[in-house]
Amino acid sequence: MQNRFRGLIAAPFTPFKADRSVNLAVIPTYARFLRENGVAAAFVCGTTGEGLSMTLEERLAVSEKWVQSSDARLPIIVHVGHTCLEDARKLTAHAQKIGAAAVSALAPCFFKPRNTDELVDWCEAVASAAPSLPFYYYNIPSMTGVTLPVAEFLAKAADRIPTLVGVKYTYEDFPDYKACVKIADGRFDLLFGRDELLLEGTKAGALGAVGSTYNYAAPIYLRILEALKGGNEAKARVLQDTAIKMIAICNGQGVTHLAASKALMTMLGVDCGPVRLPLVQPNAAQLATMRAQLTEIGFFDFACRPV
């Protein structure tokens, strides 16, 4: 089984209404917004999508709406990670039923696997619920606290999980990442997950990248990739430095990056609503400051265009 994603893969925010209930009605417009701004795929109900802050029923509904709202130009990867194995398996089986392009699961983050053998056991149990759907392990130690070497995981899982095609790699361990790229002559698809290090990730072998800021700033990242492809690393570096300034502005508003970024979508015409507790929504003053600072670096000139 082989599934390869190339280019920018947005990790969409889950749209909520003012009362923080799920707002499925926004998703068709959101999918078109991503397609028309050069995004190649979407990774739904993950960290950016507040997947672990939603009920099982909400996650099923959101993933199904994304698949219904998309087509071959925007394939959907459904995040199915959970602390409950049976719920993770339900999400996985459902993703196969609705026609998702792939599934991905992070390691359980309460009772954690202590070694790669235990991690393989968990992922095998999750992936087996969808025997015909490509499976990506989602490596994000900052959220799960699981820091096991992924290269070792892939070596052990290769023959255990028939549907394993790669990893969503959201970590800065470049020696491990490069080792993963080389395993079995490049058998696995290593989706790079740190937006601010896209240049370094691409140089390390990434052909596809998943990120939250691709929701609203895909054009500047596409220019980074184009510059690298043309051999102009200096230009790529200048563009990435601008993207890093954008990320720093979102980080500097007194709320989480996720909360600031989600609010930013409304400025571009896709109202994703508020974040859920315990995350805190930026207030009017914070939003005004963020808009002013983003304007100063030219964000609205390189950001995604409204549909």
Protein backbone atom coordinates (compact mmCIF):
# COMPACT_ATOMS: atom_id res chain seq x y z
CA MET A 1 0.00 0.00 0.00
CA GLN A 2 1.42 3.35 -1.02
CA ASN A 3 0.01 6.83 -0.58
CA ARG A 4 2.08 9.93 -1.11
CA PHE A 5 1.14 13.50 -0.28
CA ARG A 6 3.13 16.31 -1.83
CA GLY A 7 3.23 20.04 -1.23
CA LEU A 8 1.35 21.88 1.50
CA ILE A 9 -1.21 20.06 3.64
CA ALA A 10 -3.28 22.38 5.80
CA ALA A 11 -4.36 21.34 9.28
CA PRO A 12 -7.76 23.06 9.37
CA PHE A 13 -9.33 24.66 12.39
CA THR A 14 -12.66 23.14 13.34
CA PRO A 15 -15.32 25.82 12.88
CA PHE A 16 -17.39 26.50 15.99
CA LYS A 17 -20.40 28.73 16.52
CA ALA A 18 -20.38 31.45 19.18
CA ASP A 19 -21.62 28.91 21.73
CA ARG A 20 -18.70 26.63 20.75
CA SER A 21 -20.89 24.00 19.10
CA VAL A 22 -19.60 22.61 15.82
CA ASN A 23 -20.42 24.70 12.74
CA LEU A 24 -20.45 22.24 9.83
CA ALA A 25 -21.89 24.85 7.46
CA VAL A 26 -18.53 26.65 7.18
CA ILE A 27 -16.62 23.60 5.93
CA PRO A 28 -17.61 23.64 2.21
CA THR A 29 -16.43 27.25 1.85
CA TYR A 30 -13.33 26.46 3.90
CA ALA A 31 -12.44 23.54 1.61
CA ARG A 32 -12.80 25.76 -1.47
CA PHE A 33 -10.67 28.44 0.20
CA LEU A 34 -7.84 25.96 0.73
CA ARG A 35 -8.04 24.52 -2.80
CA GLU A 36 -8.03 27.94 -4.45
CA ASN A 37 -4.99 29.03 -2.44
CA GLY A 38 -2.79 26.14 -3.54
CA VAL A 39 -3.19 23.75 -0.61
CA ALA A 40 -2.79 20.12 -1.74
CA ALA A 41 -4.62 18.26 1.06
CA ALA A 42 -6.16 18.71 4.51
CA PHE A 43 -5.39 16.99 7.82
CA VAL A 44 -8.59 17.29 9.84
CA CYS A 45 -9.46 16.90 13.55
CA GLY A 46 -5.83 17.03 14.63
CA THR A 47 -4.13 19.40 17.05
CA THR A 48 -5.07 22.55 15.14
CA GLY A 49 -8.56 21.15 14.68
CA GLU A 50 -8.95 20.71 18.46
CA GLY A 51 -9.74 17.06 17.82
CA LEU A 52 -9.17 15.95 21.40
CA SER A 53 -11.50 18.70 22.62
CA MET A 54 -14.40 17.24 20.63
CA THR A 55 -16.75 14.37 21.33
CA LEU A 56 -16.54 11.20 19.27
CA GLU A 57 -19.80 12.10 17.52
CA GLU A 58 -18.51 15.57 16.66
CA ARG A 59 -15.31 14.17 15.19
CA LEU A 60 -17.28 11.71 13.06
CA ALA A 61 -19.50 14.51 11.76
CA VAL A 62 -16.64 16.93 11.08
CA SER A 63 -14.52 14.38 9.20
CA GLU A 64 -17.50 13.29 7.12
CA LYS A 65 -18.36 16.88 6.21
CA TRP A 66 -14.77 17.51 5.10
CA VAL A 67 -14.80 14.46 2.85
CA GLN A 68 -18.18 15.47 1.41
CA SER A 69 -16.89 19.01 0.77
CA SER A 70 -13.68 17.94 -0.95
CA ASP A 71 -12.58 16.11 -4.07
CA ALA A 72 -9.43 14.70 -5.64
CA ARG A 73 -7.89 18.18 -5.60
CA LEU A 74 -8.06 18.28 -1.79
CA PRO A 75 -7.82 14.75 -0.34
CA ILE A 76 -8.62 14.43 3.34
CA ILE A 77 -6.43 12.81 6.00
CA VAL A 78 -8.47 12.15 9.14
CA HIS A 79 -6.79 12.26 12.51
CA VAL A 80 -8.12 9.32 14.55
CA GLY A 81 -5.90 9.47 17.63
CA HIS A 82 -7.58 9.03 21.00
CA THR A 83 -6.80 7.93 24.54
CA CYS A 84 -9.44 5.20 24.15
CA LEU A 85 -8.46 2.48 21.70
CA GLU A 86 -12.00 1.50 20.77
CA ASP A 87 -12.91 5.09 19.99
CA ALA A 88 -9.77 5.40 17.87
CA ARG A 89 -10.81 2.27 15.98
CA LYS A 90 -14.33 3.65 15.44
CA LEU A 91 -12.88 6.83 13.99
CA THR A 92 -10.57 4.80 11.75
CA ALA A 93 -13.28 2.50 10.43
CA HIS A 94 -15.53 5.49 9.82
CA ALA A 95 -12.80 7.30 7.86
CA GLN A 96 -12.54 4.32 5.53
CA LYS A 97 -16.32 4.15 5.14
CA ILE A 98 -16.70 7.82 4.15
CA GLY A 99 -13.86 7.74 1.62
CA ALA A 100 -11.03 9.58 3.37
CA ALA A 101 -7.64 9.41 1.66
CA ALA A 102 -5.75 8.31 4.78
CA VAL A 103 -5.80 8.27 8.57
CA SER A 104 -3.26 9.33 11.15
CA ALA A 105 -3.02 8.74 14.90
CA LEU A 106 -0.89 10.24 17.62
CA ALA A 107 0.34 8.14 20.51
CA PRO A 108 -2.02 7.92 23.50
CA CYS A 109 -1.14 10.82 25.78
CA PHE A 110 -2.41 9.78 29.23
CA PHE A 111 -1.24 6.20 29.64
CA LYS A 112 1.73 6.36 27.30
CA PRO A 113 3.66 3.63 25.47
CA ARG A 114 6.95 3.11 27.28
CA ASN A 115 8.89 1.82 24.27
CA THR A 116 8.55 1.41 20.52
CA ASP A 117 7.17 -2.13 20.84
CA GLU A 118 4.23 -0.82 22.84
CA LEU A 119 3.76 2.02 20.35
CA VAL A 120 3.68 -0.46 17.46
CA ASP A 121 1.10 -2.54 19.33
CA TRP A 122 -1.13 0.51 19.74
CA CYS A 123 -0.79 1.72 16.14
CA GLU A 124 -1.36 -1.78 14.80
CA ALA A 125 -4.62 -2.02 16.74
CA VAL A 126 -5.78 1.37 15.47
CA ALA A 127 -4.77 0.87 11.84
CA SER A 128 -6.29 -2.59 11.55
CA ALA A 129 -9.78 -1.07 11.86
CA ALA A 130 -9.37 0.21 8.26
CA PRO A 131 -7.50 -2.50 6.35
CA SER A 132 -7.58 -0.64 3.03
CA LEU A 133 -6.74 2.87 4.25
CA PRO A 134 -3.19 4.29 4.40
CA PHE A 135 -2.02 4.92 7.97
CA TYR A 136 0.36 7.64 9.19
CA TYR A 137 1.80 7.67 12.70
CA TYR A 138 1.51 11.20 14.09
CA ASN A 139 4.69 12.08 16.00
CA ILE A 140 4.11 15.18 18.15
CA PRO A 141 6.04 14.89 21.44
CA SER A 142 5.17 18.45 22.49
CA MET A 143 1.57 17.34 22.97
CA THR A 144 1.83 13.63 23.77
CA GLY A 145 5.02 13.52 25.83
CA VAL A 146 6.06 10.46 23.78
CA THR A 147 9.63 10.97 22.54
CA LEU A 148 10.42 7.52 21.17
CA PRO A 149 12.72 7.39 18.11
CA VAL A 150 10.52 7.22 15.04
CA ALA A 151 13.13 5.51 12.90
CA GLU A 152 13.07 2.62 15.36
CA PHE A 153 9.28 2.61 15.30
CA LEU A 154 9.21 2.41 11.49
CA ALA A 155 11.76 -0.39 11.41
CA LYS A 156 9.67 -2.45 13.83
CA ALA A 157 6.27 -1.51 12.39
CA ALA A 158 7.13 -2.06 8.72
CA ASP A 159 6.13 -5.72 8.75
CA ARG A 160 3.51 -5.45 11.47
CA ILE A 161 1.22 -2.77 10.02
CA PRO A 162 0.42 -3.47 6.35
CA THR A 163 -1.25 -0.08 5.88
CA LEU A 164 1.61 1.97 7.36
CA VAL A 165 2.78 4.45 4.71
CA GLY A 166 4.51 7.12 6.73
CA VAL A 167 4.63 9.66 9.54
CA LYS A 168 3.33 13.12 10.26
CA TYR A 169 6.53 14.32 11.89
CA THR A 170 5.98 17.34 14.15
CA TYR A 171 9.28 17.52 15.97
CA GLU A 172 12.73 19.07 15.54
CA ASP A 173 14.83 15.89 15.76
CA PHE A 174 16.47 16.16 12.35
CA PRO A 175 18.86 13.20 12.77
CA ASP A 176 15.88 10.95 13.50
CA TYR A 177 13.88 12.53 10.67
CA LYS A 178 16.68 11.95 8.15
CA ALA A 179 17.02 8.35 9.35
CA CYS A 180 13.27 7.88 8.74
CA VAL A 181 13.60 9.26 5.20
CA LYS A 182 16.29 6.68 4.38
CA ILE A 183 14.56 3.59 5.81
CA ALA A 184 13.88 0.87 3.23
CA ASP A 185 15.16 3.03 0.36
CA GLY A 186 12.65 5.78 0.99
CA ARG A 187 9.65 3.52 1.49
CA PHE A 188 7.89 5.86 3.91
CA ASP A 189 6.23 9.22 3.36
CA LEU A 190 7.61 11.66 5.95
CA LEU A 191 5.26 14.62 6.20
CA PHE A 192 7.09 17.47 7.90
CA GLY A 193 5.12 19.27 10.61
CA ARG A 194 6.97 22.40 11.67
CA ASP A 195 5.90 25.37 9.52
CA GLU A 196 8.67 27.68 10.74
CA LEU A 197 11.29 25.10 9.66
CA LEU A 198 9.87 24.22 6.24
CA LEU A 199 13.13 25.15 4.52
CA GLU A 200 15.16 22.88 6.79
CA GLY A 201 12.59 20.10 6.54
CA THR A 202 12.63 20.21 2.76
CA LYS A 203 16.41 20.09 2.72
CA ALA A 204 16.21 17.06 5.04
CA GLY A 205 14.08 15.21 2.51
CA ALA A 206 10.48 16.31 3.10
CA LEU A 207 8.28 16.26 0.01
CA GLY A 208 5.06 17.09 1.84
CA ALA A 209 4.38 19.26 4.88
CA VAL A 210 1.46 19.60 7.29
CA GLY A 211 0.90 22.86 9.13
CA SER A 212 -1.57 25.24 10.74
CA THR A 213 -0.27 28.42 9.10
CA TYR A 214 -0.83 26.91 5.64
CA ASN A 215 -4.50 27.65 6.34
CA TYR A 216 -3.94 31.37 5.92
CA ALA A 217 -0.42 31.88 4.52
CA ALA A 218 0.00 29.11 1.94
CA PRO A 219 1.20 31.51 -0.81
CA ILE A 220 4.40 32.51 1.00
CA TYR A 221 5.26 28.88 1.74
CA LEU A 222 4.65 27.94 -1.88
CA ARG A 223 7.13 30.66 -2.81
CA ILE A 224 9.65 29.15 -0.37
CA LEU A 225 9.29 25.76 -2.05
CA GLU A 226 9.54 27.34 -5.50
CA ALA A 227 12.71 29.21 -4.53
CA LEU A 228 14.29 26.02 -3.18
CA LYS A 229 13.35 24.12 -6.31
CA GLY A 230 15.03 26.82 -8.36
CA GLY A 231 18.19 26.64 -6.26
CA ASN A 232 17.69 30.04 -4.65
CA GLU A 233 18.12 29.21 -0.98
CA ALA A 234 18.85 32.84 -0.07
CA LYS A 235 15.43 33.91 -1.35
CA ALA A 236 13.80 30.98 0.43
CA ARG A 237 15.48 32.06 3.66
CA VAL A 238 14.19 35.63 3.37
CA LEU A 239 10.67 34.36 2.77
CA GLN A 240 10.87 31.94 5.68
CA ASP A 241 12.12 34.71 7.96
CA THR A 242 8.97 36.66 7.07
CA ALA A 243 6.84 33.62 7.89
CA ILE A 244 8.65 33.30 11.22
CA LYS A 245 7.80 36.95 12.01
CA MET A 246 4.16 36.16 11.25
CA ILE A 247 4.23 33.18 13.60
CA ALA A 248 5.90 35.27 16.32
CA ILE A 249 3.15 37.88 16.05
CA CYS A 250 0.48 35.21 16.53
CA ASN A 251 2.47 33.83 19.46
CA GLY A 252 2.81 37.25 21.07
CA GLN A 253 -0.80 38.22 21.70
CA GLY A 254 -1.22 36.71 25.16
CA VAL A 255 -3.15 33.68 23.93
CA THR A 256 -2.04 30.42 22.33
CA HIS A 257 -0.87 30.40 18.73
CA LEU A 258 -3.87 28.23 17.89
CA ALA A 259 -6.34 30.75 19.34
CA ALA A 260 -4.72 33.71 17.59
CA SER A 261 -4.46 31.86 14.28
CA LYS A 262 -8.05 30.67 14.40
CA ALA A 263 -9.22 34.23 14.94
CA LEU A 264 -7.05 35.32 12.03
CA MET A 265 -9.13 33.18 9.66
CA THR A 266 -12.08 35.51 10.17
CA MET A 267 -9.96 38.39 8.86
CA LEU A 268 -9.63 36.41 5.62
CA GLY A 269 -13.33 35.65 5.29
CA VAL A 270 -13.57 32.16 6.81
CA ASP A 271 -15.23 32.52 10.20
CA CYS A 272 -14.02 29.54 12.26
CA GLY A 273 -15.43 30.94 15.50
CA PRO A 274 -13.85 30.65 18.94
CA VAL A 275 -11.58 28.04 20.49
CA ARG A 276 -12.81 25.66 23.20
CA LEU A 277 -11.77 25.71 26.83
CA PRO A 278 -9.21 25.53 28.27
CA LEU A 279 -7.95 27.62 25.35
CA VAL A 280 -8.73 31.34 25.62
CA GLN A 281 -10.07 33.52 22.83
CA PRO A 282 -8.18 36.77 22.00
CA ASN A 283 -10.06 39.90 22.98
CA ALA A 284 -10.79 42.89 20.73
CA ALA A 285 -7.64 44.77 21.77
CA GLN A 286 -5.43 41.75 21.11
CA LEU A 287 -7.03 41.25 17.71
CA ALA A 288 -6.48 44.89 16.79
CA THR A 289 -2.84 44.68 17.83
CA MET A 290 -2.36 41.48 15.85
CA ARG A 291 -3.92 42.99 12.73
CA ALA A 292 -1.72 46.08 12.99
CA GLN A 293 1.46 44.06 13.49
CA LEU A 294 0.60 41.69 10.63
CA THR A 295 -0.13 44.64 8.36
CA GLU A 296 3.30 46.06 9.20
CA ILE A 297 5.08 42.96 7.85
CA GLY A 298 2.91 42.83 4.71
CA PHE A 299 0.88 39.80 5.78
CA PHE A 300 -2.26 40.78 3.89
CA ASP A 301 -0.22 41.00 0.69
CA PHE A 302 1.10 37.41 0.94
CA ALA A 303 -1.77 35.75 2.80
CA CYS A 304 -4.37 33.46 1.28
CA ARG A 305 -6.94 35.26 -0.84
CA PRO A 306 -10.60 35.19 0.27
CA VAL A 307 -12.98 33.15 -1.87
